[in-house]
Amino acid sequence: MLNATTHARKAFEKHGGTLRTTEALAAGVHPRTLYAMRDAGELEQHARGVFRLSGLPTLGEPDLVAVAKRVPKGVLCLISALAFHHMTTQVPHRVQLALPRTARRPKLDYPPLQIFRFSESSFHAGIETHSVDGVPLRVYSPEKTLTDVFKYRNKIGMDVALEAVRAYRSRGKPRFQDVMKYARVCRVERIIRPYLEATA
């Protein structure tokens, strides 16, 4: 049992301390070892199918870590992405996640999700990968997020979109060419341009 536990700990350490059950199994960790380590307090279960080594620093973003692990193909979007990039004063009550129109809806007990279906071209544009508590998280760039917010302005509010424009400008060195590139992909070029020019 000691050898199996040692192997499991090394597998977790190699991946920043957090693994989904399927990732642990792929790394050669037996389910019996996983649950024995959990029962012994060596692992903490953060969401269904997501385990983390005990004794590590407290997660700064436990909700985002759970989503990144359980829905690795999703992309943080809209208000959740604005909050990630410090471009809004809004507090998202649900994690807003983009998925392709053909993707299955994820089964996640917690945290609560709000799924947005993007077209293929819009979904794949402007994705960045950031490390959050040692876990890779896919999130749209500030420029892509800005255009998405304008595309969904009727759902999330024009005030949120205008605040995002002001916050984006205040970041310094705005890349308006990139904003307009994504605006063309999202078909909001004519809508967003006057607001960018008004704040220029």
N, C-alpha and C. Protein backbone atom coordinates (compact mmCIF):
# COMPACT_ATOMS: atom_id res chain seq x y z
N MET A 1 0.83 -1.20 0.00
CA MET A 1 0.00 0.00 0.00
C MET A 1 0.86 1.25 0.00
N LEU A 2 2.00 1.18 0.70
CA LEU A 2 2.90 2.34 0.77
C LEU A 2 3.40 2.71 -0.62
N ASN A 3 3.78 1.72 -1.42
CA ASN A 3 4.28 2.00 -2.76
C ASN A 3 3.19 2.62 -3.63
N ALA A 4 1.98 2.12 -3.50
CA ALA A 4 0.87 2.66 -4.28
C ALA A 4 0.58 4.10 -3.87
N THR A 5 0.65 4.38 -2.59
CA THR A 5 0.41 5.74 -2.09
C THR A 5 1.51 6.68 -2.55
N THR A 6 2.74 6.22 -2.47
CA THR A 6 3.87 7.04 -2.91
C THR A 6 3.76 7.37 -4.39
N HIS A 7 3.39 6.37 -5.18
CA HIS A 7 3.19 6.58 -6.62
C HIS A 7 2.08 7.61 -6.86
N ALA A 8 1.00 7.48 -6.09
CA ALA A 8 -0.12 8.41 -6.25
C ALA A 8 0.29 9.83 -5.89
N ARG A 9 1.03 9.98 -4.79
CA ARG A 9 1.48 11.32 -4.38
C ARG A 9 2.35 11.95 -5.46
N LYS A 10 3.22 11.18 -6.05
CA LYS A 10 4.10 11.70 -7.11
C LYS A 10 3.27 12.12 -8.33
N ALA A 11 2.23 11.35 -8.64
CA ALA A 11 1.36 11.70 -9.77
C ALA A 11 0.65 13.02 -9.51
N PHE A 12 0.18 13.20 -8.28
CA PHE A 12 -0.49 14.46 -7.93
C PHE A 12 0.49 15.62 -7.95
N GLU A 13 1.68 15.42 -7.38
CA GLU A 13 2.68 16.49 -7.33
C GLU A 13 3.10 16.93 -8.73
N LYS A 14 3.15 15.98 -9.65
CA LYS A 14 3.54 16.29 -11.03
C LYS A 14 2.52 17.20 -11.71
N HIS A 15 1.28 17.17 -11.22
CA HIS A 15 0.20 17.96 -11.83
C HIS A 15 -0.28 19.07 -10.88
N GLY A 16 0.62 19.61 -10.10
CA GLY A 16 0.29 20.75 -9.25
C GLY A 16 -0.55 20.41 -8.04
N GLY A 17 -0.71 19.13 -7.75
CA GLY A 17 -1.43 18.72 -6.54
C GLY A 17 -2.89 18.40 -6.74
N THR A 18 -3.44 18.65 -7.95
CA THR A 18 -4.87 18.43 -8.20
C THR A 18 -5.05 17.54 -9.42
N LEU A 19 -5.91 16.53 -9.30
CA LEU A 19 -6.20 15.63 -10.41
C LEU A 19 -7.68 15.26 -10.43
N ARG A 20 -8.19 15.08 -11.63
CA ARG A 20 -9.49 14.45 -11.79
C ARG A 20 -9.30 12.95 -11.64
N THR A 21 -10.37 12.26 -11.29
CA THR A 21 -10.28 10.80 -11.14
C THR A 21 -9.75 10.15 -12.41
N THR A 22 -10.26 10.59 -13.58
CA THR A 22 -9.82 9.99 -14.83
C THR A 22 -8.33 10.23 -15.07
N GLU A 23 -7.83 11.41 -14.67
CA GLU A 23 -6.40 11.71 -14.83
C GLU A 23 -5.57 10.83 -13.89
N ALA A 24 -6.06 10.64 -12.68
CA ALA A 24 -5.34 9.79 -11.72
C ALA A 24 -5.27 8.35 -12.22
N LEU A 25 -6.40 7.86 -12.75
CA LEU A 25 -6.42 6.49 -13.28
C LEU A 25 -5.46 6.36 -14.46
N ALA A 26 -5.43 7.38 -15.32
CA ALA A 26 -4.52 7.35 -16.48
C ALA A 26 -3.07 7.37 -16.03
N ALA A 27 -2.81 7.93 -14.85
CA ALA A 27 -1.44 7.98 -14.32
C ALA A 27 -1.09 6.70 -13.55
N GLY A 28 -2.00 5.74 -13.55
CA GLY A 28 -1.71 4.47 -12.91
C GLY A 28 -2.09 4.39 -11.44
N VAL A 29 -2.95 5.31 -10.99
CA VAL A 29 -3.40 5.30 -9.60
C VAL A 29 -4.69 4.49 -9.52
N HIS A 30 -4.72 3.50 -8.65
CA HIS A 30 -5.90 2.64 -8.52
C HIS A 30 -6.99 3.39 -7.74
N PRO A 31 -8.26 3.21 -8.12
CA PRO A 31 -9.35 3.88 -7.39
C PRO A 31 -9.31 3.58 -5.89
N ARG A 32 -8.94 2.35 -5.54
CA ARG A 32 -8.88 1.96 -4.13
C ARG A 32 -7.86 2.83 -3.39
N THR A 33 -6.75 3.14 -4.07
CA THR A 33 -5.71 3.99 -3.46
C THR A 33 -6.23 5.41 -3.28
N LEU A 34 -6.95 5.91 -4.27
CA LEU A 34 -7.52 7.26 -4.18
C LEU A 34 -8.41 7.40 -2.95
N TYR A 35 -9.35 6.47 -2.81
CA TYR A 35 -10.32 6.58 -1.73
C TYR A 35 -9.69 6.28 -0.37
N ALA A 36 -8.69 5.41 -0.36
CA ALA A 36 -7.98 5.15 0.90
C ALA A 36 -7.23 6.41 1.35
N MET A 37 -6.61 7.10 0.40
CA MET A 37 -5.90 8.34 0.73
C MET A 37 -6.87 9.43 1.17
N ARG A 38 -8.03 9.47 0.53
CA ARG A 38 -9.05 10.45 0.96
C ARG A 38 -9.52 10.15 2.38
N ASP A 39 -9.79 8.88 2.66
CA ASP A 39 -10.29 8.50 3.98
C ASP A 39 -9.23 8.71 5.06
N ALA A 40 -7.94 8.64 4.66
CA ALA A 40 -6.84 8.84 5.62
C ALA A 40 -6.49 10.33 5.77
N GLY A 41 -7.17 11.17 5.00
CA GLY A 41 -6.92 12.61 5.11
C GLY A 41 -5.75 13.08 4.27
N GLU A 42 -5.22 12.21 3.40
CA GLU A 42 -4.09 12.61 2.56
C GLU A 42 -4.55 13.34 1.30
N LEU A 43 -5.81 13.13 0.93
CA LEU A 43 -6.41 13.82 -0.21
C LEU A 43 -7.69 14.52 0.24
N GLU A 44 -7.98 15.65 -0.38
CA GLU A 44 -9.25 16.34 -0.16
C GLU A 44 -10.04 16.27 -1.46
N GLN A 45 -11.34 16.03 -1.32
CA GLN A 45 -12.20 15.99 -2.50
C GLN A 45 -12.86 17.36 -2.65
N HIS A 46 -12.50 18.09 -3.73
CA HIS A 46 -12.98 19.46 -3.89
C HIS A 46 -14.27 19.54 -4.70
N ALA A 47 -14.51 18.57 -5.51
CA ALA A 47 -15.75 18.47 -6.29
C ALA A 47 -15.85 17.01 -6.67
N ARG A 48 -16.99 16.63 -7.21
CA ARG A 48 -17.14 15.23 -7.61
C ARG A 48 -16.09 14.91 -8.67
N GLY A 49 -15.23 13.95 -8.34
CA GLY A 49 -14.20 13.54 -9.30
C GLY A 49 -12.98 14.43 -9.34
N VAL A 50 -12.81 15.34 -8.37
CA VAL A 50 -11.63 16.21 -8.31
C VAL A 50 -10.99 16.08 -6.94
N PHE A 51 -9.73 15.63 -6.92
CA PHE A 51 -9.00 15.41 -5.66
C PHE A 51 -7.77 16.31 -5.62
N ARG A 52 -7.38 16.68 -4.38
CA ARG A 52 -6.21 17.54 -4.19
C ARG A 52 -5.44 17.07 -2.96
N LEU A 53 -4.12 17.12 -3.06
CA LEU A 53 -3.30 16.73 -1.92
C LEU A 53 -3.59 17.61 -0.72
N SER A 54 -3.73 17.00 0.44
CA SER A 54 -3.92 17.77 1.67
C SER A 54 -2.63 18.48 2.05
N GLY A 55 -2.77 19.56 2.79
CA GLY A 55 -1.59 20.27 3.29
C GLY A 55 -1.05 21.32 2.34
N LEU A 56 -1.62 21.42 1.15
CA LEU A 56 -1.19 22.45 0.21
C LEU A 56 -1.83 23.78 0.62
N PRO A 57 -1.27 24.91 0.17
CA PRO A 57 -1.89 26.20 0.48
C PRO A 57 -3.36 26.21 0.03
N THR A 58 -4.18 26.96 0.77
CA THR A 58 -5.60 27.05 0.42
C THR A 58 -5.77 27.58 -0.99
N LEU A 59 -6.70 26.98 -1.71
CA LEU A 59 -6.96 27.42 -3.08
C LEU A 59 -7.46 28.86 -3.09
N GLY A 60 -6.88 29.67 -3.98
CA GLY A 60 -7.33 31.04 -4.13
C GLY A 60 -8.62 31.13 -4.91
N GLU A 61 -8.80 30.22 -5.87
CA GLU A 61 -9.98 30.21 -6.74
C GLU A 61 -10.54 28.79 -6.84
N PRO A 62 -11.14 28.29 -5.75
CA PRO A 62 -11.60 26.89 -5.77
C PRO A 62 -12.66 26.62 -6.83
N ASP A 63 -13.56 27.58 -7.10
CA ASP A 63 -14.60 27.37 -8.11
C ASP A 63 -13.98 27.21 -9.50
N LEU A 64 -13.01 28.08 -9.81
CA LEU A 64 -12.38 28.03 -11.13
C LEU A 64 -11.56 26.75 -11.29
N VAL A 65 -10.92 26.32 -10.21
CA VAL A 65 -10.15 25.08 -10.27
C VAL A 65 -11.07 23.90 -10.55
N ALA A 66 -12.21 23.86 -9.87
CA ALA A 66 -13.17 22.76 -10.09
C ALA A 66 -13.67 22.75 -11.53
N VAL A 67 -13.98 23.93 -12.06
CA VAL A 67 -14.48 24.02 -13.44
C VAL A 67 -13.38 23.64 -14.43
N ALA A 68 -12.17 24.13 -14.20
CA ALA A 68 -11.06 23.82 -15.11
C ALA A 68 -10.78 22.32 -15.16
N LYS A 69 -10.94 21.67 -14.03
CA LYS A 69 -10.68 20.22 -13.98
C LYS A 69 -11.84 19.40 -14.55
N ARG A 70 -13.06 19.81 -14.23
CA ARG A 70 -14.21 19.01 -14.65
C ARG A 70 -14.64 19.30 -16.08
N VAL A 71 -14.40 20.54 -16.56
CA VAL A 71 -14.80 20.90 -17.93
C VAL A 71 -13.59 21.50 -18.65
N PRO A 72 -12.57 20.69 -18.90
CA PRO A 72 -11.31 21.22 -19.44
C PRO A 72 -11.43 21.84 -20.83
N LYS A 73 -12.48 21.49 -21.59
CA LYS A 73 -12.64 22.05 -22.93
C LYS A 73 -13.44 23.35 -22.93
N GLY A 74 -14.02 23.71 -21.78
CA GLY A 74 -14.76 24.95 -21.68
C GLY A 74 -13.82 26.14 -21.61
N VAL A 75 -14.36 27.34 -21.85
CA VAL A 75 -13.56 28.56 -21.79
C VAL A 75 -14.32 29.59 -20.95
N LEU A 76 -13.65 30.12 -19.95
CA LEU A 76 -14.25 31.15 -19.10
C LEU A 76 -14.60 32.36 -19.97
N CYS A 77 -15.83 32.86 -19.82
CA CYS A 77 -16.29 33.92 -20.73
C CYS A 77 -17.10 34.98 -19.99
N LEU A 78 -17.42 36.04 -20.73
CA LEU A 78 -18.32 37.11 -20.31
C LEU A 78 -17.97 37.65 -18.92
N ILE A 79 -18.93 37.75 -17.99
CA ILE A 79 -18.65 38.41 -16.72
C ILE A 79 -17.57 37.66 -15.93
N SER A 80 -17.56 36.34 -16.01
CA SER A 80 -16.52 35.57 -15.31
C SER A 80 -15.13 35.91 -15.86
N ALA A 81 -15.03 36.07 -17.19
CA ALA A 81 -13.76 36.44 -17.80
C ALA A 81 -13.41 37.89 -17.48
N LEU A 82 -14.42 38.78 -17.48
CA LEU A 82 -14.17 40.18 -17.09
C LEU A 82 -13.62 40.24 -15.67
N ALA A 83 -14.22 39.47 -14.75
CA ALA A 83 -13.76 39.45 -13.36
C ALA A 83 -12.33 38.90 -13.28
N PHE A 84 -12.04 37.88 -14.06
CA PHE A 84 -10.70 37.29 -14.08
C PHE A 84 -9.67 38.33 -14.52
N HIS A 85 -10.04 39.16 -15.51
CA HIS A 85 -9.12 40.17 -16.03
C HIS A 85 -9.24 41.52 -15.30
N HIS A 86 -10.02 41.56 -14.22
CA HIS A 86 -10.20 42.79 -13.43
C HIS A 86 -10.76 43.92 -14.30
N MET A 87 -11.80 43.59 -15.07
CA MET A 87 -12.41 44.57 -15.97
C MET A 87 -13.89 44.83 -15.62
N THR A 88 -14.30 44.48 -14.40
CA THR A 88 -15.68 44.71 -13.99
C THR A 88 -15.76 44.78 -12.47
N THR A 89 -16.80 45.46 -12.00
CA THR A 89 -17.09 45.45 -10.56
C THR A 89 -18.20 44.44 -10.26
N GLN A 90 -18.71 43.80 -11.30
CA GLN A 90 -19.76 42.78 -11.14
C GLN A 90 -19.17 41.54 -10.47
N VAL A 91 -19.98 40.90 -9.65
CA VAL A 91 -19.57 39.64 -9.02
C VAL A 91 -20.41 38.53 -9.66
N PRO A 92 -19.79 37.67 -10.47
CA PRO A 92 -20.57 36.61 -11.12
C PRO A 92 -21.11 35.60 -10.09
N HIS A 93 -22.42 35.37 -10.13
CA HIS A 93 -23.04 34.42 -9.19
C HIS A 93 -22.92 32.99 -9.70
N ARG A 94 -22.65 32.86 -10.99
CA ARG A 94 -22.40 31.54 -11.59
C ARG A 94 -21.17 31.66 -12.46
N VAL A 95 -20.43 30.58 -12.60
CA VAL A 95 -19.28 30.59 -13.49
C VAL A 95 -19.80 30.53 -14.92
N GLN A 96 -19.49 31.55 -15.70
CA GLN A 96 -19.96 31.62 -17.09
C GLN A 96 -18.92 30.96 -17.99
N LEU A 97 -19.37 29.97 -18.73
CA LEU A 97 -18.47 29.12 -19.51
C LEU A 97 -18.97 29.00 -20.94
N ALA A 98 -18.06 29.15 -21.89
CA ALA A 98 -18.39 28.98 -23.30
C ALA A 98 -18.08 27.55 -23.73
N LEU A 99 -18.98 27.01 -24.54
CA LEU A 99 -18.78 25.68 -25.14
C LEU A 99 -19.24 25.75 -26.59
N PRO A 100 -18.68 24.88 -27.44
CA PRO A 100 -19.19 24.81 -28.82
C PRO A 100 -20.65 24.37 -28.81
N ARG A 101 -21.37 24.70 -29.85
CA ARG A 101 -22.80 24.39 -29.90
C ARG A 101 -23.07 22.89 -29.85
N THR A 102 -22.11 22.08 -30.30
CA THR A 102 -22.34 20.64 -30.37
C THR A 102 -21.86 19.90 -29.12
N ALA A 103 -21.22 20.59 -28.20
CA ALA A 103 -20.65 19.93 -27.01
C ALA A 103 -21.75 19.53 -26.03
N ARG A 104 -21.52 18.44 -25.32
CA ARG A 104 -22.47 18.00 -24.30
C ARG A 104 -22.46 18.98 -23.12
N ARG A 105 -23.61 19.10 -22.48
CA ARG A 105 -23.69 19.94 -21.29
C ARG A 105 -22.97 19.22 -20.15
N PRO A 106 -22.04 19.90 -19.48
CA PRO A 106 -21.31 19.24 -18.40
C PRO A 106 -22.18 18.95 -17.19
N LYS A 107 -21.88 17.85 -16.52
CA LYS A 107 -22.59 17.49 -15.28
C LYS A 107 -21.70 17.91 -14.11
N LEU A 108 -22.09 18.99 -13.47
CA LEU A 108 -21.28 19.54 -12.39
C LEU A 108 -22.22 19.96 -11.27
N ASP A 109 -22.05 19.37 -10.09
CA ASP A 109 -22.90 19.72 -8.96
C ASP A 109 -22.56 21.11 -8.42
N TYR A 110 -21.27 21.40 -8.38
CA TYR A 110 -20.82 22.68 -7.85
C TYR A 110 -19.48 23.02 -8.48
N PRO A 111 -19.20 24.27 -8.78
CA PRO A 111 -20.04 25.45 -8.61
C PRO A 111 -21.12 25.53 -9.69
N PRO A 112 -22.14 26.39 -9.48
CA PRO A 112 -23.17 26.54 -10.51
C PRO A 112 -22.59 27.15 -11.78
N LEU A 113 -23.03 26.62 -12.91
CA LEU A 113 -22.53 27.08 -14.22
C LEU A 113 -23.63 27.78 -15.00
N GLN A 114 -23.22 28.71 -15.85
CA GLN A 114 -24.09 29.27 -16.87
C GLN A 114 -23.38 29.05 -18.20
N ILE A 115 -23.96 28.21 -19.03
CA ILE A 115 -23.33 27.80 -20.28
C ILE A 115 -23.78 28.70 -21.43
N PHE A 116 -22.81 29.14 -22.23
CA PHE A 116 -23.10 29.91 -23.44
C PHE A 116 -22.57 29.12 -24.63
N ARG A 117 -23.39 28.96 -25.64
CA ARG A 117 -23.01 28.21 -26.83
C ARG A 117 -22.47 29.17 -27.88
N PHE A 118 -21.21 29.00 -28.24
CA PHE A 118 -20.57 29.85 -29.24
C PHE A 118 -20.44 29.09 -30.55
N SER A 119 -20.48 29.83 -31.66
CA SER A 119 -20.19 29.23 -32.96
C SER A 119 -18.74 28.76 -32.97
N GLU A 120 -18.39 27.88 -33.88
CA GLU A 120 -17.02 27.34 -33.94
C GLU A 120 -15.98 28.45 -34.05
N SER A 121 -16.21 29.41 -34.97
CA SER A 121 -15.21 30.47 -35.17
C SER A 121 -15.08 31.35 -33.94
N SER A 122 -16.20 31.67 -33.31
CA SER A 122 -16.16 32.52 -32.13
C SER A 122 -15.59 31.77 -30.93
N PHE A 123 -15.91 30.48 -30.83
CA PHE A 123 -15.44 29.70 -29.68
C PHE A 123 -13.92 29.60 -29.65
N HIS A 124 -13.30 29.36 -30.80
CA HIS A 124 -11.86 29.10 -30.85
C HIS A 124 -11.01 30.37 -30.89
N ALA A 125 -11.63 31.53 -31.04
CA ALA A 125 -10.86 32.78 -31.16
C ALA A 125 -10.51 33.35 -29.79
N GLY A 126 -9.24 33.74 -29.64
CA GLY A 126 -8.83 34.50 -28.46
C GLY A 126 -8.71 33.73 -27.16
N ILE A 127 -8.48 32.42 -27.22
CA ILE A 127 -8.35 31.63 -25.98
C ILE A 127 -6.93 31.78 -25.41
N GLU A 128 -6.86 32.08 -24.13
CA GLU A 128 -5.59 32.08 -23.39
C GLU A 128 -5.65 30.98 -22.34
N THR A 129 -4.49 30.48 -21.95
CA THR A 129 -4.44 29.50 -20.86
C THR A 129 -3.63 30.09 -19.73
N HIS A 130 -4.24 30.18 -18.56
CA HIS A 130 -3.59 30.72 -17.37
C HIS A 130 -3.50 29.63 -16.31
N SER A 131 -2.50 29.74 -15.46
CA SER A 131 -2.37 28.80 -14.35
C SER A 131 -3.09 29.39 -13.13
N VAL A 132 -4.08 28.67 -12.63
CA VAL A 132 -4.82 29.09 -11.44
C VAL A 132 -4.64 28.02 -10.37
N ASP A 133 -3.96 28.35 -9.31
CA ASP A 133 -3.67 27.38 -8.25
C ASP A 133 -3.01 26.13 -8.82
N GLY A 134 -2.15 26.32 -9.83
CA GLY A 134 -1.41 25.22 -10.42
C GLY A 134 -2.19 24.42 -11.46
N VAL A 135 -3.40 24.86 -11.77
CA VAL A 135 -4.25 24.15 -12.73
C VAL A 135 -4.44 25.03 -13.97
N PRO A 136 -4.27 24.48 -15.18
CA PRO A 136 -4.49 25.28 -16.39
C PRO A 136 -5.96 25.63 -16.57
N LEU A 137 -6.23 26.91 -16.77
CA LEU A 137 -7.59 27.41 -16.97
C LEU A 137 -7.65 28.14 -18.30
N ARG A 138 -8.62 27.77 -19.13
CA ARG A 138 -8.82 28.44 -20.42
C ARG A 138 -9.77 29.62 -20.22
N VAL A 139 -9.34 30.78 -20.69
CA VAL A 139 -10.15 31.99 -20.54
C VAL A 139 -9.93 32.85 -21.78
N TYR A 140 -10.98 33.56 -22.20
CA TYR A 140 -10.81 34.44 -23.35
C TYR A 140 -9.95 35.64 -22.97
N SER A 141 -9.17 36.11 -23.94
CA SER A 141 -8.32 37.29 -23.74
C SER A 141 -9.19 38.50 -23.42
N PRO A 142 -8.62 39.55 -22.84
CA PRO A 142 -9.40 40.76 -22.57
C PRO A 142 -10.07 41.31 -23.83
N GLU A 143 -9.36 41.27 -24.96
CA GLU A 143 -9.91 41.80 -26.21
C GLU A 143 -11.09 40.98 -26.71
N LYS A 144 -10.97 39.65 -26.67
CA LYS A 144 -12.07 38.79 -27.09
C LYS A 144 -13.25 38.91 -26.12
N THR A 145 -12.95 38.99 -24.83
CA THR A 145 -14.01 39.13 -23.83
C THR A 145 -14.80 40.40 -24.07
N LEU A 146 -14.10 41.47 -24.42
CA LEU A 146 -14.77 42.75 -24.67
C LEU A 146 -15.79 42.62 -25.81
N THR A 147 -15.40 41.94 -26.87
CA THR A 147 -16.34 41.79 -28.00
C THR A 147 -17.49 40.85 -27.65
N ASP A 148 -17.20 39.81 -26.85
CA ASP A 148 -18.27 38.90 -26.42
C ASP A 148 -19.31 39.62 -25.58
N VAL A 149 -18.83 40.53 -24.71
CA VAL A 149 -19.73 41.28 -23.84
C VAL A 149 -20.68 42.15 -24.68
N PHE A 150 -20.16 42.73 -25.75
CA PHE A 150 -21.02 43.52 -26.61
C PHE A 150 -22.00 42.62 -27.38
N LYS A 151 -21.55 41.45 -27.76
CA LYS A 151 -22.44 40.53 -28.48
C LYS A 151 -23.60 40.10 -27.58
N TYR A 152 -23.33 39.91 -26.28
CA TYR A 152 -24.36 39.45 -25.34
C TYR A 152 -24.86 40.59 -24.45
N ARG A 153 -24.76 41.83 -24.95
CA ARG A 153 -25.11 43.01 -24.15
C ARG A 153 -26.57 42.99 -23.70
N ASN A 154 -27.45 42.39 -24.50
CA ASN A 154 -28.87 42.34 -24.12
C ASN A 154 -29.13 41.37 -22.97
N LYS A 155 -28.22 40.40 -22.80
CA LYS A 155 -28.38 39.44 -21.70
C LYS A 155 -27.68 39.89 -20.43
N ILE A 156 -26.53 40.55 -20.56
CA ILE A 156 -25.76 40.89 -19.36
C ILE A 156 -25.79 42.37 -19.03
N GLY A 157 -26.30 43.20 -19.95
CA GLY A 157 -26.45 44.61 -19.66
C GLY A 157 -25.43 45.49 -20.36
N MET A 158 -25.92 46.57 -20.96
CA MET A 158 -25.04 47.50 -21.66
C MET A 158 -24.12 48.23 -20.67
N ASP A 159 -24.60 48.41 -19.44
CA ASP A 159 -23.75 49.07 -18.43
C ASP A 159 -22.49 48.25 -18.15
N VAL A 160 -22.63 46.92 -18.19
CA VAL A 160 -21.47 46.04 -17.98
C VAL A 160 -20.49 46.20 -19.14
N ALA A 161 -21.02 46.28 -20.35
CA ALA A 161 -20.16 46.45 -21.54
C ALA A 161 -19.40 47.77 -21.50
N LEU A 162 -20.09 48.85 -21.13
CA LEU A 162 -19.44 50.17 -21.09
C LEU A 162 -18.39 50.23 -19.99
N GLU A 163 -18.69 49.63 -18.85
CA GLU A 163 -17.70 49.57 -17.77
C GLU A 163 -16.46 48.79 -18.23
N ALA A 164 -16.69 47.72 -18.99
CA ALA A 164 -15.58 46.90 -19.48
C ALA A 164 -14.69 47.69 -20.43
N VAL A 165 -15.30 48.52 -21.29
CA VAL A 165 -14.51 49.35 -22.21
C VAL A 165 -13.62 50.31 -21.41
N ARG A 166 -14.21 50.98 -20.43
CA ARG A 166 -13.42 51.92 -19.61
C ARG A 166 -12.30 51.20 -18.87
N ALA A 167 -12.62 50.03 -18.30
CA ALA A 167 -11.60 49.27 -17.56
C ALA A 167 -10.49 48.80 -18.49
N TYR A 168 -10.87 48.40 -19.70
CA TYR A 168 -9.87 47.94 -20.67
C TYR A 168 -8.90 49.07 -21.02
N ARG A 169 -9.46 50.26 -21.26
CA ARG A 169 -8.60 51.40 -21.60
C ARG A 169 -7.66 51.75 -20.46
N SER A 170 -8.12 51.61 -19.23
CA SER A 170 -7.31 52.00 -18.08
C SER A 170 -6.15 51.04 -17.82
N ARG A 171 -6.19 49.87 -18.47
CA ARG A 171 -5.11 48.88 -18.29
C ARG A 171 -3.80 49.38 -18.91
N GLY A 172 -3.89 50.33 -19.85
CA GLY A 172 -2.69 50.81 -20.53
C GLY A 172 -2.39 49.95 -21.75
N LYS A 173 -1.88 50.57 -22.79
CA LYS A 173 -1.52 49.90 -24.04
C LYS A 173 -2.65 49.03 -24.58
N PRO A 174 -3.84 49.64 -24.77
CA PRO A 174 -4.94 48.85 -25.34
C PRO A 174 -4.63 48.44 -26.77
N ARG A 175 -5.05 47.24 -27.12
CA ARG A 175 -4.81 46.70 -28.47
C ARG A 175 -6.11 46.71 -29.25
N PHE A 176 -6.46 47.90 -29.74
CA PHE A 176 -7.75 48.06 -30.42
C PHE A 176 -7.81 47.27 -31.72
N GLN A 177 -6.66 47.04 -32.37
CA GLN A 177 -6.68 46.23 -33.59
C GLN A 177 -7.16 44.81 -33.29
N ASP A 178 -6.72 44.26 -32.14
CA ASP A 178 -7.16 42.93 -31.74
C ASP A 178 -8.65 42.93 -31.39
N VAL A 179 -9.08 44.00 -30.71
CA VAL A 179 -10.51 44.11 -30.38
C VAL A 179 -11.34 44.06 -31.65
N MET A 180 -10.94 44.84 -32.66
CA MET A 180 -11.72 44.89 -33.90
C MET A 180 -11.63 43.57 -34.66
N LYS A 181 -10.50 42.89 -34.56
CA LYS A 181 -10.37 41.57 -35.21
C LYS A 181 -11.41 40.60 -34.63
N TYR A 182 -11.53 40.57 -33.31
CA TYR A 182 -12.51 39.69 -32.68
C TYR A 182 -13.93 40.20 -32.90
N ALA A 183 -14.08 41.52 -33.01
CA ALA A 183 -15.41 42.10 -33.27
C ALA A 183 -15.93 41.62 -34.62
N ARG A 184 -15.03 41.47 -35.58
CA ARG A 184 -15.44 40.95 -36.90
C ARG A 184 -15.88 39.49 -36.77
N VAL A 185 -15.14 38.72 -35.99
CA VAL A 185 -15.51 37.31 -35.78
C VAL A 185 -16.88 37.21 -35.13
N CYS A 186 -17.13 38.09 -34.15
CA CYS A 186 -18.40 38.06 -33.40
C CYS A 186 -19.50 38.88 -34.07
N ARG A 187 -19.17 39.52 -35.17
CA ARG A 187 -20.14 40.32 -35.94
C ARG A 187 -20.72 41.46 -35.12
N VAL A 188 -19.87 42.15 -34.37
CA VAL A 188 -20.31 43.32 -33.61
C VAL A 188 -19.43 44.54 -33.92
N GLU A 189 -18.76 44.49 -35.07
CA GLU A 189 -17.81 45.54 -35.42
C GLU A 189 -18.46 46.92 -35.42
N ARG A 190 -19.62 47.02 -36.08
CA ARG A 190 -20.28 48.33 -36.18
C ARG A 190 -20.85 48.78 -34.84
N ILE A 191 -21.19 47.82 -33.99
CA ILE A 191 -21.77 48.16 -32.68
C ILE A 191 -20.69 48.66 -31.72
N ILE A 192 -19.54 47.99 -31.70
CA ILE A 192 -18.52 48.33 -30.71
C ILE A 192 -17.67 49.53 -31.12
N ARG A 193 -17.50 49.76 -32.40
CA ARG A 193 -16.59 50.82 -32.86
C ARG A 193 -16.91 52.21 -32.25
N PRO A 194 -18.17 52.66 -32.27
CA PRO A 194 -18.44 53.99 -31.71
C PRO A 194 -18.06 54.12 -30.24
N TYR A 195 -18.21 53.03 -29.48
CA TYR A 195 -17.89 53.08 -28.05
C TYR A 195 -16.38 53.13 -27.83
N LEU A 196 -15.64 52.42 -28.68
CA LEU A 196 -14.17 52.51 -28.59
C LEU A 196 -13.69 53.92 -28.96
N GLU A 197 -14.30 54.49 -29.99
CA GLU A 197 -13.90 55.83 -30.42
C GLU A 197 -14.30 56.89 -29.40
N ALA A 198 -15.44 56.68 -28.74
CA ALA A 198 -15.93 57.66 -27.76
C ALA A 198 -15.05 57.71 -26.53
N THR A 199 -14.40 56.59 -26.23
CA THR A 199 -13.54 56.55 -25.05
C THR A 199 -12.08 56.76 -25.41
N ALA A 200 -11.79 56.99 -26.70
CA ALA A 200 -10.41 57.15 -27.16
C ALA A 200 -9.86 58.51 -26.70
